[in-house]
Amino acid sequence: MRRDGVFTWLSAADARVRVVASDGTAVPGAYIAILDVPSLALATGAPNVHFAFAVGASTGRRRGSPASLEVRVDIEGSASGGVPLRTGRYLTHAAGQRPLTALGMALGVERLLALRGDPVPPGIHTPEALVDPAYEVERMLEAGPSSPKRPARPDNRRVSRAGLRPRAARGRPRAARGRQPSVAGAYVPKLQTLPSMSRAM
């Protein structure tokens, strides 16, 4: 995680955390080391970034449906004009992780093959540095996830009505102006498998 502008490791005990699903159920999880943390930190300038991962019965399972995927994003900082901002959204998919992971891989390959955009120069690249976020969101919504929504109230967070909007690649979000934002991601995967994590949404 990144804490007060410094990337740091956590002990197993300190890494434990509750991840609250969209229906308000708390699932035991842990902060994990994943490339999304430095990617988000460097893209936004946020001094505090962490990523929590939890495995358990999904909201879909608890409702008697197939296992579902949930990705939660919380952002805290300042909007334009210095107005304090705290917002959170869930992205859920009734079919689990696989459709969105497959889409992410397809978009990355599409970009590397220059099927969209200019040829990619040699080197090591992360997907978010190559794929336009607005285009990725557009294609992601075609894959069938539900619309982002506010975290459940049992989390005891005040959530603003502001939404998360796609922004241009390598751009700095408004929340990074003035007071530096903190960014948190929580990932609640499907129950049947323990998938490897490549990136959060």
Foldseek 3Di string as FASTA:
>chain_A
DFAQQRDDDDDPVVFWDWDAAQVRDTFIWGWDDAPQFVVVCVLAVFRAEIEIEGEDQHPQVVVVAAFKKKKKKWKWAAAPPRHTAIAMWIKMARVWDVLLVVLLVVQQVCQCVVVDDDHDDDDDDDSLQGDFQQVSVVVVVVSHIDDIDGGDCSVVDDHDPDDDHGDGRSHHHRRCPDTHMHMYMYIYTTHPDDDDDHYGD
